[in-house]
Amino acid sequence: MDDHIIMLTTLPDEHAARTLARTLVSAKLAACINIMPRMTSIYSWKGKLEEGQEHLLLIKTRADRYNAIEQAIRAEHPYELPEIIATPISHGLPEYMNWIDENSQ
C-alpha cells in the first residue's frame, strides 16, 4: 500500500481550491480530491500570529506523482509558502487503491 499517498494543501477560497482540484484531476495527477469546507487556520507567519479562512484539499494519488503535484501546486498557489504535505496510505480497500492507480497515471 506504500505506493499511495494523501497530499494536503490549503487555499484561501473555494474558487482557488476548485480550480486547483480540477487541474490536478484533469491532468490525471490525482484520482480524487476532497475540498473541505471553509475552516479557520491560526498560525505563526514572519513572527506574527495570524488567523484566516482556508479550504483544505485532500489529494488521493500515487506516491510517484508527488513531484508533479508539488510543481502544479507551486505554479498555481497564491501563497508565498504553500502547505504541501504528504502522508502514506498504509491500508485501504484494494479495489479503491486500484482505482487510484487507474486514475492517477
N, C-alpha and C. Protein backbone atom coordinates (compact mmCIF):
# COMPACT_ATOMS: atom_id res chain seq x y z
N MET A 1 0.81 -1.20 0.00
CA MET A 1 0.00 0.00 0.00
C MET A 1 0.85 1.27 0.00
N ASP A 2 2.17 1.15 0.19
CA ASP A 2 3.01 2.34 0.28
C ASP A 2 3.20 3.05 -1.05
N ASP A 3 2.52 2.59 -2.08
CA ASP A 3 2.56 3.26 -3.38
C ASP A 3 1.58 4.43 -3.44
N HIS A 4 0.76 4.61 -2.41
CA HIS A 4 -0.29 5.61 -2.43
C HIS A 4 -0.10 6.61 -1.31
N ILE A 5 -0.49 7.86 -1.58
CA ILE A 5 -0.37 8.92 -0.59
C ILE A 5 -1.62 9.78 -0.59
N ILE A 6 -1.78 10.50 0.51
CA ILE A 6 -2.74 11.59 0.58
C ILE A 6 -1.91 12.85 0.76
N MET A 7 -2.10 13.79 -0.13
CA MET A 7 -1.40 15.08 -0.02
C MET A 7 -2.39 16.10 0.51
N LEU A 8 -1.87 17.06 1.26
CA LEU A 8 -2.68 18.12 1.83
C LEU A 8 -2.15 19.47 1.36
N THR A 9 -3.08 20.34 1.04
CA THR A 9 -2.74 21.74 0.81
C THR A 9 -3.95 22.57 1.19
N THR A 10 -3.73 23.83 1.51
CA THR A 10 -4.82 24.73 1.83
C THR A 10 -4.81 25.89 0.85
N LEU A 11 -6.01 26.40 0.58
CA LEU A 11 -6.15 27.55 -0.30
C LEU A 11 -7.09 28.56 0.35
N PRO A 12 -6.95 29.84 -0.02
CA PRO A 12 -7.68 30.89 0.69
C PRO A 12 -9.17 30.98 0.37
N ASP A 13 -9.61 30.38 -0.75
CA ASP A 13 -11.03 30.49 -1.10
C ASP A 13 -11.47 29.28 -1.91
N GLU A 14 -12.78 29.10 -2.00
CA GLU A 14 -13.33 27.93 -2.67
C GLU A 14 -13.00 27.92 -4.16
N HIS A 15 -13.02 29.07 -4.80
CA HIS A 15 -12.72 29.13 -6.24
C HIS A 15 -11.31 28.62 -6.52
N ALA A 16 -10.33 29.09 -5.76
CA ALA A 16 -8.95 28.64 -5.95
C ALA A 16 -8.83 27.15 -5.67
N ALA A 17 -9.54 26.66 -4.64
CA ALA A 17 -9.50 25.23 -4.31
C ALA A 17 -10.08 24.39 -5.44
N ARG A 18 -11.23 24.80 -5.97
CA ARG A 18 -11.85 24.05 -7.07
C ARG A 18 -10.98 24.08 -8.32
N THR A 19 -10.40 25.23 -8.60
CA THR A 19 -9.56 25.36 -9.79
C THR A 19 -8.37 24.42 -9.71
N LEU A 20 -7.67 24.41 -8.59
CA LEU A 20 -6.52 23.52 -8.44
C LEU A 20 -6.95 22.06 -8.48
N ALA A 21 -8.03 21.72 -7.80
CA ALA A 21 -8.51 20.33 -7.79
C ALA A 21 -8.84 19.86 -9.21
N ARG A 22 -9.54 20.67 -9.96
CA ARG A 22 -9.90 20.30 -11.34
C ARG A 22 -8.64 20.15 -12.20
N THR A 23 -7.67 21.01 -12.02
CA THR A 23 -6.41 20.92 -12.77
C THR A 23 -5.71 19.59 -12.50
N LEU A 24 -5.59 19.23 -11.22
CA LEU A 24 -4.87 18.01 -10.86
C LEU A 24 -5.59 16.75 -11.32
N VAL A 25 -6.91 16.71 -11.18
CA VAL A 25 -7.67 15.52 -11.59
C VAL A 25 -7.72 15.43 -13.11
N SER A 26 -7.92 16.55 -13.79
CA SER A 26 -7.96 16.54 -15.26
C SER A 26 -6.64 16.07 -15.86
N ALA A 27 -5.54 16.42 -15.21
CA ALA A 27 -4.21 16.01 -15.69
C ALA A 27 -3.85 14.59 -15.26
N LYS A 28 -4.77 13.92 -14.57
CA LYS A 28 -4.55 12.56 -14.06
C LYS A 28 -3.36 12.49 -13.09
N LEU A 29 -3.13 13.59 -12.39
CA LEU A 29 -2.12 13.59 -11.33
C LEU A 29 -2.72 13.04 -10.05
N ALA A 30 -4.02 13.17 -9.89
CA ALA A 30 -4.72 12.67 -8.71
C ALA A 30 -6.00 12.00 -9.16
N ALA A 31 -6.41 10.98 -8.38
CA ALA A 31 -7.66 10.28 -8.71
C ALA A 31 -8.86 11.02 -8.15
N CYS A 32 -8.71 11.59 -6.97
CA CYS A 32 -9.82 12.25 -6.29
C CYS A 32 -9.27 13.31 -5.36
N ILE A 33 -9.99 14.41 -5.26
CA ILE A 33 -9.62 15.46 -4.32
C ILE A 33 -10.88 15.89 -3.58
N ASN A 34 -10.82 15.82 -2.26
CA ASN A 34 -11.91 16.32 -1.43
C ASN A 34 -11.56 17.74 -1.02
N ILE A 35 -12.53 18.63 -1.18
CA ILE A 35 -12.36 20.01 -0.73
C ILE A 35 -13.18 20.17 0.53
N MET A 36 -12.48 20.37 1.62
CA MET A 36 -13.16 20.53 2.91
C MET A 36 -13.71 21.95 3.00
N PRO A 37 -14.85 22.09 3.66
CA PRO A 37 -15.45 23.43 3.76
C PRO A 37 -14.55 24.40 4.51
N ARG A 38 -14.89 25.65 4.37
CA ARG A 38 -14.10 26.71 4.99
C ARG A 38 -13.82 26.41 6.45
N MET A 39 -12.58 26.64 6.82
CA MET A 39 -12.14 26.41 8.20
C MET A 39 -11.27 27.59 8.62
N THR A 40 -11.07 27.71 9.90
CA THR A 40 -10.20 28.75 10.43
C THR A 40 -8.83 28.17 10.70
N SER A 41 -7.80 28.84 10.21
CA SER A 41 -6.42 28.45 10.47
C SER A 41 -5.76 29.54 11.32
N ILE A 42 -5.07 29.11 12.35
CA ILE A 42 -4.31 30.02 13.21
C ILE A 42 -2.86 29.56 13.14
N TYR A 43 -1.97 30.48 12.79
CA TYR A 43 -0.58 30.10 12.54
C TYR A 43 0.34 31.29 12.77
N SER A 44 1.62 30.97 12.91
CA SER A 44 2.64 32.00 13.05
C SER A 44 3.27 32.24 11.69
N TRP A 45 3.35 33.49 11.26
CA TRP A 45 3.95 33.82 9.98
C TRP A 45 4.78 35.08 10.13
N LYS A 46 6.07 34.95 9.87
CA LYS A 46 7.02 36.07 9.94
C LYS A 46 6.94 36.77 11.30
N GLY A 47 6.88 35.93 12.36
CA GLY A 47 6.91 36.45 13.71
C GLY A 47 5.60 36.99 14.25
N LYS A 48 4.52 36.86 13.48
CA LYS A 48 3.22 37.38 13.92
C LYS A 48 2.20 36.25 13.96
N LEU A 49 1.29 36.34 14.91
CA LEU A 49 0.18 35.39 14.99
C LEU A 49 -0.87 35.80 13.97
N GLU A 50 -1.21 34.88 13.08
CA GLU A 50 -2.17 35.15 12.00
C GLU A 50 -3.38 34.26 12.15
N GLU A 51 -4.50 34.70 11.59
CA GLU A 51 -5.73 33.91 11.57
C GLU A 51 -6.42 34.18 10.24
N GLY A 52 -6.86 33.11 9.59
CA GLY A 52 -7.52 33.29 8.30
C GLY A 52 -8.42 32.11 7.97
N GLN A 53 -9.24 32.32 6.96
CA GLN A 53 -10.15 31.29 6.48
C GLN A 53 -9.50 30.58 5.30
N GLU A 54 -9.58 29.25 5.29
CA GLU A 54 -8.98 28.46 4.22
C GLU A 54 -9.85 27.26 3.90
N HIS A 55 -9.56 26.65 2.76
CA HIS A 55 -10.16 25.38 2.36
C HIS A 55 -9.04 24.35 2.26
N LEU A 56 -9.26 23.18 2.84
CA LEU A 56 -8.29 22.10 2.84
C LEU A 56 -8.58 21.13 1.69
N LEU A 57 -7.55 20.79 0.92
CA LEU A 57 -7.67 19.78 -0.13
C LEU A 57 -7.02 18.49 0.35
N LEU A 58 -7.75 17.38 0.21
CA LEU A 58 -7.23 16.03 0.48
C LEU A 58 -7.06 15.37 -0.88
N ILE A 59 -5.82 15.20 -1.29
CA ILE A 59 -5.49 14.74 -2.64
C ILE A 59 -5.07 13.28 -2.58
N LYS A 60 -5.86 12.38 -3.18
CA LYS A 60 -5.52 10.95 -3.20
C LYS A 60 -4.83 10.62 -4.51
N THR A 61 -3.62 10.05 -4.39
CA THR A 61 -2.82 9.82 -5.58
C THR A 61 -1.78 8.73 -5.32
N ARG A 62 -0.97 8.50 -6.32
CA ARG A 62 0.17 7.57 -6.22
C ARG A 62 1.38 8.34 -5.70
N ALA A 63 2.23 7.65 -4.95
CA ALA A 63 3.42 8.29 -4.39
C ALA A 63 4.33 8.85 -5.48
N ASP A 64 4.39 8.17 -6.63
CA ASP A 64 5.26 8.64 -7.71
C ASP A 64 4.75 9.90 -8.41
N ARG A 65 3.58 10.38 -8.03
CA ARG A 65 3.03 11.62 -8.59
C ARG A 65 3.34 12.84 -7.73
N TYR A 66 3.99 12.60 -6.57
CA TYR A 66 4.24 13.70 -5.64
C TYR A 66 4.93 14.89 -6.30
N ASN A 67 6.06 14.67 -6.97
CA ASN A 67 6.82 15.80 -7.54
C ASN A 67 6.00 16.59 -8.54
N ALA A 68 5.26 15.92 -9.40
CA ALA A 68 4.44 16.62 -10.39
C ALA A 68 3.34 17.43 -9.71
N ILE A 69 2.74 16.87 -8.67
CA ILE A 69 1.70 17.61 -7.94
C ILE A 69 2.30 18.80 -7.20
N GLU A 70 3.45 18.60 -6.58
CA GLU A 70 4.11 19.72 -5.90
C GLU A 70 4.36 20.86 -6.89
N GLN A 71 4.88 20.54 -8.06
CA GLN A 71 5.13 21.58 -9.08
C GLN A 71 3.85 22.27 -9.49
N ALA A 72 2.76 21.51 -9.68
CA ALA A 72 1.48 22.11 -10.08
C ALA A 72 0.93 23.02 -8.99
N ILE A 73 1.05 22.59 -7.74
CA ILE A 73 0.58 23.43 -6.63
C ILE A 73 1.39 24.71 -6.57
N ARG A 74 2.71 24.60 -6.65
CA ARG A 74 3.57 25.80 -6.60
C ARG A 74 3.23 26.77 -7.74
N ALA A 75 2.94 26.22 -8.92
CA ALA A 75 2.66 27.07 -10.08
C ALA A 75 1.34 27.84 -9.93
N GLU A 76 0.36 27.27 -9.26
CA GLU A 76 -0.96 27.89 -9.18
C GLU A 76 -1.29 28.51 -7.84
N HIS A 77 -0.49 28.24 -6.82
CA HIS A 77 -0.85 28.63 -5.46
C HIS A 77 -0.60 30.11 -5.22
N PRO A 78 -1.55 30.79 -4.57
CA PRO A 78 -1.37 32.23 -4.32
C PRO A 78 -0.47 32.55 -3.12
N TYR A 79 -0.17 31.57 -2.27
CA TYR A 79 0.63 31.84 -1.08
C TYR A 79 2.12 31.85 -1.40
N GLU A 80 2.86 32.66 -0.66
CA GLU A 80 4.31 32.68 -0.76
C GLU A 80 4.90 31.32 -0.36
N LEU A 81 4.33 30.71 0.68
CA LEU A 81 4.77 29.40 1.15
C LEU A 81 3.55 28.49 1.31
N PRO A 82 3.21 27.75 0.25
CA PRO A 82 2.02 26.88 0.34
C PRO A 82 2.28 25.67 1.23
N GLU A 83 1.23 25.24 1.90
CA GLU A 83 1.30 23.97 2.63
C GLU A 83 1.26 22.84 1.61
N ILE A 84 2.29 22.01 1.61
CA ILE A 84 2.32 20.81 0.77
C ILE A 84 2.87 19.70 1.66
N ILE A 85 1.98 18.82 2.08
CA ILE A 85 2.32 17.72 2.97
C ILE A 85 1.79 16.44 2.36
N ALA A 86 2.55 15.37 2.49
CA ALA A 86 2.08 14.06 2.02
C ALA A 86 2.26 13.04 3.12
N THR A 87 1.31 12.14 3.19
CA THR A 87 1.38 11.04 4.14
C THR A 87 1.04 9.74 3.42
N PRO A 88 1.74 8.66 3.72
CA PRO A 88 1.44 7.40 3.03
C PRO A 88 0.10 6.82 3.47
N ILE A 89 -0.53 6.12 2.57
CA ILE A 89 -1.73 5.36 2.90
C ILE A 89 -1.25 3.96 3.25
N SER A 90 -1.34 3.59 4.51
CA SER A 90 -0.81 2.30 4.94
C SER A 90 -1.78 1.15 4.67
N HIS A 91 -3.06 1.42 4.66
CA HIS A 91 -4.07 0.41 4.41
C HIS A 91 -5.21 1.03 3.61
N GLY A 92 -5.87 0.21 2.80
CA GLY A 92 -7.01 0.70 2.04
C GLY A 92 -7.69 -0.44 1.31
N LEU A 93 -8.93 -0.24 0.99
CA LEU A 93 -9.68 -1.22 0.22
C LEU A 93 -8.95 -1.47 -1.09
N PRO A 94 -8.54 -2.70 -1.39
CA PRO A 94 -7.75 -2.97 -2.59
C PRO A 94 -8.39 -2.42 -3.87
N GLU A 95 -9.68 -2.56 -3.99
CA GLU A 95 -10.36 -2.05 -5.19
C GLU A 95 -10.23 -0.53 -5.30
N TYR A 96 -10.28 0.16 -4.16
CA TYR A 96 -10.12 1.62 -4.16
C TYR A 96 -8.69 2.00 -4.52
N MET A 97 -7.72 1.27 -3.99
CA MET A 97 -6.33 1.54 -4.32
C MET A 97 -6.08 1.32 -5.81
N ASN A 98 -6.68 0.29 -6.38
CA ASN A 98 -6.58 0.06 -7.83
C ASN A 98 -7.20 1.20 -8.61
N TRP A 99 -8.31 1.73 -8.10
CA TRP A 99 -8.98 2.86 -8.75
C TRP A 99 -8.07 4.10 -8.74
N ILE A 100 -7.38 4.32 -7.62
CA ILE A 100 -6.42 5.43 -7.56
C ILE A 100 -5.34 5.22 -8.62
N ASP A 101 -4.82 4.00 -8.72
CA ASP A 101 -3.81 3.70 -9.74
C ASP A 101 -4.31 4.03 -11.13
N GLU A 102 -5.50 3.58 -11.45
CA GLU A 102 -6.06 3.77 -12.80
C GLU A 102 -6.30 5.23 -13.14
N ASN A 103 -6.56 6.05 -12.12
CA ASN A 103 -6.95 7.43 -12.38
C ASN A 103 -5.89 8.47 -12.03
N SER A 104 -4.69 8.01 -11.73
CA SER A 104 -3.62 8.98 -11.45
C SER A 104 -2.33 8.55 -12.14
N GLN A 105 -2.46 8.23 -13.43
CA GLN A 105 -1.30 7.83 -14.22
C GLN A 105 -1.15 8.72 -15.43
